Protein backbone atom coordinates (compact mmCIF):
# COMPACT_ATOMS: atom_id res chain seq x y z
CA MET A 1 -37.03 43.58 -198.02
CA VAL A 2 -40.78 43.87 -197.55
CA THR A 3 -42.00 46.50 -195.77
CA ARG A 4 -45.65 46.72 -193.54
CA ALA A 5 -46.19 50.18 -195.91
CA GLU A 6 -46.27 48.28 -199.21
CA ARG A 7 -50.06 47.57 -200.19
CA THR A 8 -49.00 45.37 -203.06
CA THR A 9 -50.60 42.41 -203.72
CA PHE A 10 -47.26 40.24 -202.43
CA GLY A 11 -46.70 42.83 -200.00
CA GLU A 12 -50.15 42.11 -197.72
CA TRP A 13 -50.06 38.11 -198.47
CA TRP A 14 -46.33 38.38 -196.61
CA TRP A 15 -47.45 40.53 -193.31
CA THR A 16 -50.97 38.09 -193.15
CA ILE A 17 -49.65 34.68 -193.85
CA ASP A 18 -48.54 32.14 -191.15
CA ARG A 19 -44.59 32.32 -192.16
CA TRP A 20 -44.24 29.48 -189.35
CA LEU A 21 -46.47 27.13 -190.61
CA LEU A 22 -45.21 28.01 -194.43
CA PHE A 23 -41.54 27.56 -193.46
CA SER A 24 -42.46 24.13 -192.02
CA PHE A 25 -44.50 23.23 -194.91
CA VAL A 26 -41.32 24.33 -197.04
CA ALA A 27 -38.66 22.84 -194.85
CA LEU A 28 -41.19 19.15 -195.13
CA MET A 29 -40.86 19.81 -198.67
CA VAL A 30 -36.36 20.35 -198.99
CA SER A 31 -36.40 17.24 -196.20
CA GLY A 32 -38.68 15.25 -198.41
CA PHE A 33 -35.94 15.54 -201.86
CA LEU A 34 -33.02 14.90 -199.52
CA PHE A 35 -34.86 11.45 -198.31
CA GLY A 36 -35.87 10.61 -201.46
CA LEU A 37 -32.21 10.70 -203.37
CA ALA A 38 -31.48 8.04 -200.38
CA ALA A 39 -34.72 6.18 -200.39
CA TYR A 40 -36.10 6.01 -204.91
CA PRO A 41 -33.18 5.02 -206.47
CA PRO A 42 -33.14 1.49 -205.06
CA VAL A 43 -37.10 1.18 -206.16
CA ALA A 44 -36.01 2.43 -209.85
CA ASN A 45 -33.40 -0.03 -210.17
CA LYS A 46 -35.55 -2.84 -208.97
CA LEU A 47 -37.90 -2.05 -211.61
CA GLY A 48 -35.60 -1.20 -214.66
CA LEU A 49 -36.04 2.11 -214.38
CA PRO A 50 -33.17 5.07 -214.92
CA THR A 51 -31.35 5.19 -211.37
CA PHE A 52 -32.84 9.08 -210.46
CA HIS A 53 -36.03 8.44 -212.39
CA PHE A 54 -38.30 8.79 -209.22
CA VAL A 55 -36.22 11.70 -207.82
CA ASN A 56 -36.59 13.52 -211.23
CA LYS A 57 -40.54 12.83 -211.15
CA GLN A 58 -40.56 13.99 -207.84
CA ALA A 59 -38.40 17.58 -207.86
CA PHE A 60 -41.30 18.26 -210.36
CA PHE A 61 -44.03 17.33 -208.10
CA LEU A 62 -42.84 19.11 -205.74
CA VAL A 63 -42.16 22.50 -207.42
CA VAL A 64 -45.54 21.84 -209.47
CA CYS A 65 -47.45 21.38 -206.00
CA GLY A 66 -45.04 24.54 -203.97
CA ALA A 67 -46.54 26.63 -206.22
CA LEU A 68 -50.17 25.70 -206.00
CA MET A 69 -49.49 25.68 -202.40
CA VAL A 70 -49.00 29.34 -202.64
CA THR A 71 -51.21 30.26 -205.03
CA LEU A 72 -54.26 28.67 -202.98
CA SER A 73 -52.79 30.27 -200.08
CA PHE A 74 -53.67 33.99 -201.56
CA LEU A 75 -57.19 33.06 -201.39
CA ASP A 76 -59.86 34.96 -199.64
CA PRO A 77 -62.93 32.83 -197.20
CA ARG A 78 -65.19 33.43 -199.99
CA GLN A 79 -63.37 31.87 -202.89
CA VAL A 80 -62.02 28.50 -200.79
CA ARG A 81 -65.72 27.75 -200.32
CA ARG A 82 -66.06 28.17 -203.91
CA PHE A 83 -62.75 26.40 -204.71
CA ALA A 84 -63.45 23.65 -202.44
CA LEU A 85 -67.18 23.16 -204.08
CA LEU A 86 -65.66 22.69 -207.54
CA LEU A 87 -62.99 20.37 -206.25
CA PHE A 88 -65.98 18.45 -204.53
CA MET A 89 -67.93 18.41 -207.17
CA VAL A 90 -64.88 17.42 -210.25
CA GLY A 91 -63.02 14.94 -207.31
CA MET A 92 -66.36 12.68 -206.43
CA THR A 93 -66.83 12.48 -210.25
CA LEU A 94 -63.99 10.95 -210.53
CA VAL A 95 -64.54 8.50 -207.81
CA VAL A 96 -67.87 7.48 -209.31
CA PHE A 97 -65.81 7.15 -212.79
CA THR A 98 -63.48 4.76 -210.93
CA LEU A 99 -66.10 2.33 -209.81
CA PHE A 100 -67.08 1.62 -213.01
CA PHE A 101 -63.95 1.82 -215.00
CA GLY A 102 -60.30 2.75 -213.19
CA ALA A 103 -57.70 0.35 -213.27
CA GLU A 104 -58.11 -2.39 -210.79
CA VAL A 105 -55.08 -3.10 -208.32
CA LYS A 106 -55.31 -5.89 -206.09
CA GLY A 107 -59.30 -6.03 -206.41
CA ALA A 108 -59.66 -2.16 -205.82
CA ARG A 109 -60.25 0.61 -208.20
CA ARG A 110 -58.94 3.72 -206.95
CA TRP A 111 -56.93 4.71 -210.11
CA ILE A 112 -57.71 6.44 -213.16
CA ASN A 113 -54.72 6.03 -215.37
CA LEU A 114 -53.82 9.26 -217.56
CA PRO A 115 -50.61 9.52 -220.47
CA GLY A 116 -47.58 9.82 -217.70
CA PHE A 117 -49.66 10.00 -215.03
CA SER A 118 -51.84 7.73 -212.52
CA LEU A 119 -54.56 9.68 -210.29
CA GLN A 120 -56.61 8.67 -207.06
CA PRO A 121 -59.34 11.05 -207.52
CA SER A 122 -60.30 10.63 -203.45
CA GLU A 123 -56.81 12.48 -202.88
CA LEU A 124 -58.94 15.78 -204.64
CA VAL A 125 -61.65 15.18 -202.02
CA LYS A 126 -60.39 14.39 -199.18
CA PRO A 127 -59.40 18.80 -198.47
CA ALA A 128 -62.78 19.82 -200.46
CA PHE A 129 -64.48 17.26 -198.37
CA ALA A 130 -63.32 18.88 -195.14
CA VAL A 131 -63.63 22.18 -196.20
CA LEU A 132 -67.64 22.02 -197.31
CA ALA A 133 -67.93 20.09 -193.53
CA ALA A 134 -66.42 22.45 -191.71
CA TRP A 135 -68.34 25.07 -193.45
CA ALA A 136 -71.79 23.42 -192.64
CA PHE A 137 -71.32 23.58 -189.03
CA SER A 138 -69.61 26.67 -189.31
CA GLU A 139 -73.19 28.38 -191.05
CA ARG A 140 -75.13 26.48 -188.06
CA GLN A 141 -73.52 29.00 -185.68
CA THR A 142 -74.14 31.99 -188.08
CA ARG A 143 -77.04 31.26 -190.48
CA LYS A 144 -79.94 29.61 -188.11
CA ASP A 145 -82.27 29.38 -190.98
CA MET A 146 -80.15 27.76 -193.34
CA PRO A 147 -80.16 23.58 -193.08
CA SER A 148 -76.95 23.57 -192.69
CA LEU A 149 -76.77 20.55 -189.80
CA ALA A 150 -78.66 18.42 -192.49
CA VAL A 151 -76.18 19.33 -195.22
CA ALA A 152 -73.32 17.99 -193.11
CA PHE A 153 -74.99 15.07 -191.98
CA LEU A 154 -75.69 14.26 -196.15
CA LEU A 155 -71.76 14.94 -196.97
CA LEU A 156 -70.74 11.73 -195.26
CA PRO A 157 -72.36 9.60 -196.38
CA LEU A 158 -72.42 11.21 -200.26
CA VAL A 159 -68.59 10.42 -199.64
CA VAL A 160 -67.69 7.34 -197.79
CA VAL A 161 -70.11 5.18 -199.89
CA PRO A 162 -68.02 5.62 -202.91
CA LEU A 163 -65.00 5.04 -201.16
CA ILE A 164 -66.03 1.55 -199.36
CA ARG A 165 -67.28 0.59 -202.72
CA GLN A 166 -63.58 0.81 -204.15
CA PRO A 167 -63.09 -0.34 -201.09
CA ASP A 168 -60.45 1.98 -199.51
CA LEU A 169 -61.37 1.71 -195.85
CA GLY A 170 -57.56 3.99 -194.77
CA GLN A 171 -59.74 7.28 -196.79
CA THR A 172 -62.95 6.56 -195.35
CA ILE A 173 -61.78 6.35 -191.72
CA LEU A 174 -59.88 9.54 -192.26
CA VAL A 175 -62.61 11.85 -193.80
CA ALA A 176 -65.08 10.40 -191.01
CA THR A 177 -62.71 11.00 -188.19
CA VAL A 178 -62.53 14.63 -189.52
CA TRP A 179 -66.80 14.80 -190.15
CA CYS A 180 -66.62 13.18 -186.35
CA GLY A 181 -63.84 16.08 -185.13
CA LEU A 182 -65.70 19.04 -186.50
CA PHE A 183 -68.85 17.37 -184.92
CA PHE A 184 -67.27 17.70 -181.55
CA LEU A 185 -66.17 21.25 -182.48
CA ALA A 186 -69.23 22.50 -183.38
CA GLY A 187 -70.60 21.76 -179.94
CA LEU A 188 -73.53 19.74 -180.89
CA HIS A 189 -74.63 17.42 -177.57
CA PHE A 190 -72.21 14.89 -176.37
CA LEU A 191 -74.69 11.92 -176.77
CA TRP A 192 -74.37 12.57 -180.23
CA VAL A 193 -70.55 12.16 -179.69
CA VAL A 194 -71.02 8.32 -177.79
CA GLY A 195 -73.81 7.29 -180.94
CA LEU A 196 -71.28 8.49 -183.25
CA ALA A 197 -68.25 6.33 -181.32
CA GLY A 198 -70.66 3.33 -181.49
CA GLY A 199 -71.16 3.66 -185.08
CA GLY A 200 -67.79 3.67 -186.06
CA VAL A 201 -67.44 0.93 -183.87
CA VAL A 202 -69.93 -1.37 -185.62
CA GLY A 203 -68.75 0.16 -188.97
CA LEU A 204 -64.83 -1.43 -188.23
CA PHE A 205 -66.75 -4.49 -187.17
CA ALA A 206 -68.60 -4.95 -190.39
CA ALA A 207 -65.51 -4.02 -192.44
CA TYR A 208 -63.86 -6.54 -190.55
CA ARG A 209 -66.49 -9.66 -191.16
CA PHE A 210 -67.44 -8.45 -194.68
CA LEU A 211 -63.87 -6.64 -196.31
CA PRO A 212 -61.70 -10.10 -196.50
CA HIS A 213 -58.56 -7.81 -196.94
CA VAL A 214 -58.96 -5.47 -193.96
CA THR A 215 -60.03 -9.09 -192.21
CA ASP A 216 -56.53 -10.04 -193.60
CA ARG A 217 -54.70 -7.10 -191.94
CA ILE A 218 -55.91 -6.76 -188.89
CA ASP A 219 -55.24 -10.65 -188.40
CA ARG A 220 -52.10 -10.19 -189.16
CA PHE A 221 -50.86 -7.23 -186.83
CA LEU A 222 -52.96 -8.88 -184.08
CA ASN A 223 -51.29 -12.83 -184.93
CA LYS A 224 -48.23 -12.66 -186.89
CA GLY A 225 -48.83 -16.67 -187.69
CA ASN A 226 -52.17 -15.61 -189.52
CA GLY A 227 -50.11 -14.83 -192.76
CA ASP A 228 -47.80 -12.49 -194.37
CA THR A 229 -45.89 -10.03 -192.09
CA PHE A 230 -42.81 -9.32 -194.20
CA GLN A 231 -43.18 -5.81 -194.71
CA THR A 232 -43.98 -4.46 -191.74
CA ASP A 233 -41.48 -6.51 -190.23
CA MET A 234 -38.67 -5.26 -192.92
CA ALA A 235 -39.85 -1.58 -191.45
CA LEU A 236 -38.85 -2.31 -187.84
CA ASP A 237 -35.51 -3.86 -188.68
CA SER A 238 -35.15 -1.00 -190.34
CA PHE A 239 -35.09 1.40 -187.70
CA VAL A 240 -33.12 -1.12 -185.67
CA SER A 241 -30.32 -1.49 -188.42
CA GLY A 242 -30.67 2.41 -187.97
CA GLY A 243 -29.93 2.68 -184.30
CA TRP A 244 -29.96 6.57 -182.91
CA PHE A 245 -27.51 7.81 -185.38
CA GLY A 246 -28.29 5.75 -188.69
CA ARG A 247 -26.07 3.96 -191.18
CA GLY A 248 -25.72 7.31 -193.54
CA PRO A 249 -27.60 8.17 -196.60
CA GLY A 250 -27.37 5.42 -199.12
CA GLU A 251 -26.32 2.86 -196.82
CA GLY A 252 -29.02 1.26 -195.80
CA VAL A 253 -29.57 -1.82 -196.57
CA VAL A 254 -32.88 -3.16 -195.44
CA LYS A 255 -35.12 -0.86 -197.92
CA ARG A 256 -33.29 -2.91 -201.01
CA SER A 257 -35.87 -5.96 -199.89
CA LEU A 258 -38.72 -2.87 -198.55
CA PRO A 259 -41.72 -3.38 -201.47
CA ASP A 260 -42.66 0.42 -200.42
CA SER A 261 -39.63 1.61 -199.11
CA HIS A 262 -40.74 5.22 -201.39
CA THR A 263 -44.17 5.36 -200.75
CA ASP A 264 -46.30 4.30 -197.66
CA PHE A 265 -42.37 3.43 -195.79
CA LEU A 266 -40.39 5.84 -196.57
CA PHE A 267 -40.76 6.83 -192.84
CA SER A 268 -38.56 3.13 -192.28
CA VAL A 269 -35.77 4.23 -194.52
CA ILE A 270 -35.50 7.76 -192.43
CA GLY A 271 -34.97 5.58 -189.60
CA GLU A 272 -32.11 3.12 -191.47
CA GLU A 273 -29.97 5.79 -192.88
CA PHE A 274 -30.20 8.65 -190.93
CA GLY A 275 -31.01 7.17 -187.17
CA ALA A 276 -33.62 7.77 -184.47
CA ILE A 277 -32.94 10.87 -183.82
CA THR A 278 -33.78 12.33 -186.95
CA CYS A 279 -37.00 10.88 -186.83
CA ILE A 280 -38.07 12.38 -183.71
CA LEU A 281 -36.64 15.42 -185.49
CA VAL A 282 -39.13 14.94 -188.46
CA VAL A 283 -42.03 13.97 -186.20
CA THR A 284 -41.51 17.50 -184.12
CA VAL A 285 -41.93 18.97 -187.19
CA PHE A 286 -45.32 17.17 -187.50
CA ALA A 287 -46.08 17.87 -184.13
CA PHE A 288 -45.32 21.54 -184.43
CA ILE A 289 -47.43 22.29 -187.55
CA VAL A 290 -50.88 20.37 -185.65
CA VAL A 291 -50.05 22.33 -182.34
CA ARG A 292 -49.24 26.17 -184.63
CA GLY A 293 -52.76 24.96 -186.72
CA MET A 294 -54.69 24.41 -184.52
CA ILE A 295 -53.59 27.37 -182.28
CA SER A 296 -54.18 30.03 -185.42
CA ALA A 297 -57.77 27.75 -186.01
CA ARG A 298 -58.57 28.85 -182.17
CA ALA A 299 -58.05 32.36 -182.48
CA ASN A 300 -59.42 32.96 -185.16
CA SER A 301 -62.66 34.90 -184.98
CA ASP A 302 -64.59 34.19 -187.94
CA PRO A 303 -66.01 30.85 -187.35
CA PHE A 304 -65.77 29.18 -190.94
CA CYS A 305 -61.90 30.02 -190.96
CA ARG A 306 -61.99 28.67 -186.96
CA MET A 307 -63.91 25.53 -188.15
CA THR A 308 -62.16 25.18 -191.78
CA GLY A 309 -58.58 25.70 -190.20
CA ALA A 310 -59.13 23.15 -187.85
CA ALA A 311 -60.61 20.27 -189.81
CA LEU A 312 -57.49 21.07 -192.57
CA VAL A 313 -55.61 20.24 -189.22
CA MET A 314 -56.88 17.16 -188.33
CA LEU A 315 -56.62 15.91 -191.60
CA PHE A 316 -52.79 16.45 -192.09
CA GLY A 317 -52.08 15.76 -188.80
CA LEU A 318 -54.30 12.24 -188.67
CA GLN A 319 -52.55 11.27 -192.07
CA SER A 320 -48.84 11.90 -191.13
CA PHE A 321 -49.73 10.17 -187.90
CA ILE A 322 -51.52 6.77 -189.65
CA ASN A 323 -48.24 6.26 -191.79
CA MET A 324 -45.86 6.63 -188.93
CA ALA A 325 -47.67 4.20 -186.89
CA VAL A 326 -48.07 1.51 -189.69
CA ASN A 327 -44.27 1.82 -189.95
CA LEU A 328 -43.83 1.18 -186.45
CA ASN A 329 -46.13 -1.45 -186.52
CA LEU A 330 -48.46 0.39 -183.85
CA ILE A 331 -51.98 -0.08 -185.91
CA PRO A 332 -52.49 -2.62 -188.79
CA PRO A 333 -50.82 -1.86 -191.97
CA LYS A 334 -52.79 0.80 -194.81
CA GLY A 335 -51.16 2.40 -197.65
CA MET A 336 -50.96 6.12 -196.62
CA THR A 337 -48.44 8.51 -197.40
CA LEU A 338 -46.20 10.64 -195.00
CA PRO A 339 -47.34 14.40 -196.18
CA PHE A 340 -44.93 15.81 -198.48
CA LEU A 341 -41.94 13.45 -197.96
CA SER A 342 -43.24 9.71 -199.75
CA TYR A 343 -43.22 9.59 -203.53
CA GLY A 344 -46.65 10.43 -205.49
CA GLY A 345 -48.16 12.90 -207.70
CA SER A 346 -51.90 12.59 -206.07
CA SER A 347 -50.64 12.53 -202.51
CA LEU A 348 -48.59 15.73 -203.25
CA LEU A 349 -51.44 17.39 -204.94
CA SER A 350 -53.88 16.45 -202.35
CA ILE A 351 -51.38 18.13 -199.50
CA ALA A 352 -50.37 21.10 -201.06
CA ILE A 353 -54.08 22.15 -201.68
CA THR A 354 -54.78 20.92 -197.92
CA THR A 355 -51.97 23.37 -197.00
CA GLY A 356 -52.80 26.21 -199.27
CA LEU A 357 -55.97 26.03 -197.95
CA LEU A 358 -54.87 25.74 -194.09
CA LEU A 359 -52.64 29.00 -195.04
CA ALA A 360 -55.42 30.99 -196.45
CA VAL A 361 -57.82 30.35 -194.02
CA THR A 362 -55.09 30.94 -191.21
CA ARG A 363 -54.43 34.29 -192.39
CA LYS A 364 -54.93 37.79 -190.13
CA ARG A 365 -57.77 40.00 -191.33
CA PRO A 366 -59.10 43.23 -190.37
CA LYS A 367 -61.72 42.88 -187.78
CA ALA A 368 -64.06 44.93 -190.25
CA ALA A 369 -64.21 42.32 -193.11
CA ILE A 370 -64.67 39.10 -190.71
CA MET A 371 -67.58 40.99 -189.65
CA GLU A 372 -68.89 41.71 -193.16
CA ARG A 373 -68.23 38.33 -194.50
CA MET A 374 -70.83 37.41 -191.30
CA ASN A 375 -73.64 40.38 -192.09
CA ILE A 376 -72.41 41.76 -188.59
CA ALA A 377 -71.67 45.45 -187.57
CA GLU A 378 -70.99 47.05 -184.04
CA THR A 379 -73.48 48.82 -182.30
CA PRO A 380 -73.05 51.61 -179.42
CA TYR A 381 -73.36 49.51 -176.29
CA PRO A 382 -71.83 50.34 -172.68
CA PRO A 383 -68.43 50.70 -172.38
CA GLY A 384 -67.10 47.24 -171.38
CA THR A 385 -69.72 44.94 -172.78
CA GLY A 386 -68.47 44.30 -176.30
CA ARG A 387 -71.86 43.00 -177.55
CA LEU A 388 -72.30 42.72 -181.04
CA SER A 389 -75.66 42.29 -182.88
CA HIS A 390 -76.68 41.50 -186.74
CA ALA A 391 -76.84 44.43 -188.79
């Protein structure tokens, strides 16, 4: 048992970490493995692989990524920024590399094939971008002499342009939405928000007009007669087949015909085999993480930790929402995994980094340490004023 009196590194970590968030992430990881036991074997058999091929690989990924998440949660704010900057440079270099040498799949270059593993570099960029954008916006509040706003505005096209070139509209929308959320939280003028919303609408229209695969997906979503809607139809059939309590683990039928049942449409498999009640519980866990993360971020007195926590929670929550909304045919289909539940090494790596950094910036830290980082010292004001001034 770890007591508060222990001054070890682990002891301090244990009593400062947000344990509700930590246990929620662990619960999702364990649940993902259990759900995978039902979803992965049929896909492996269909591809001519050993029955537990994906199960074994996912177990390995979960152990490695769980260890990475915990390791990153030990970082202090300065180390979080340095790690994010290094990860961003590496990730963006690999993203540009994929434009020329990446494996082409369905007309898009998003992957780098490595021995025994395929890496999607954009997954590494997402959490790094969220941290750096939050850093830039938070510096606007603490260091007026820094061109932080210009840096924040430069970051967005620096990431979005290569992603559009791949093309990867889903990741583009995700990082742009997080950036806009940070812009709003930074307290900038409402007219900027309106302008950004208008720019987003124009961007989506341009994507619909000039990217054939985007046109096809939106047309199929609006009118089933415009193309093949097999996957989304089968996903809805899964929920209908499962009812409230499901058909039972391993008893699903629709999943055998669903091409991406182990990745993008795992939520549908959960619906068929474990029922709508289990799906509601899964949604509740994700909702709890988002609400808890936002509350922890809002309560943080360090501007950088506050903005970074909000950015990482938005990233985690938006990805979860997009995946589940696609499964329920609420939005046009987009290949995006469900955090900690869907199969995929690159996705798990990205989520482990996101959650590890979120745990790091939401840790409780002494007020003196926060003031030292902000170069602020307390000054003797009259009782009750509670004012601070720059040292």
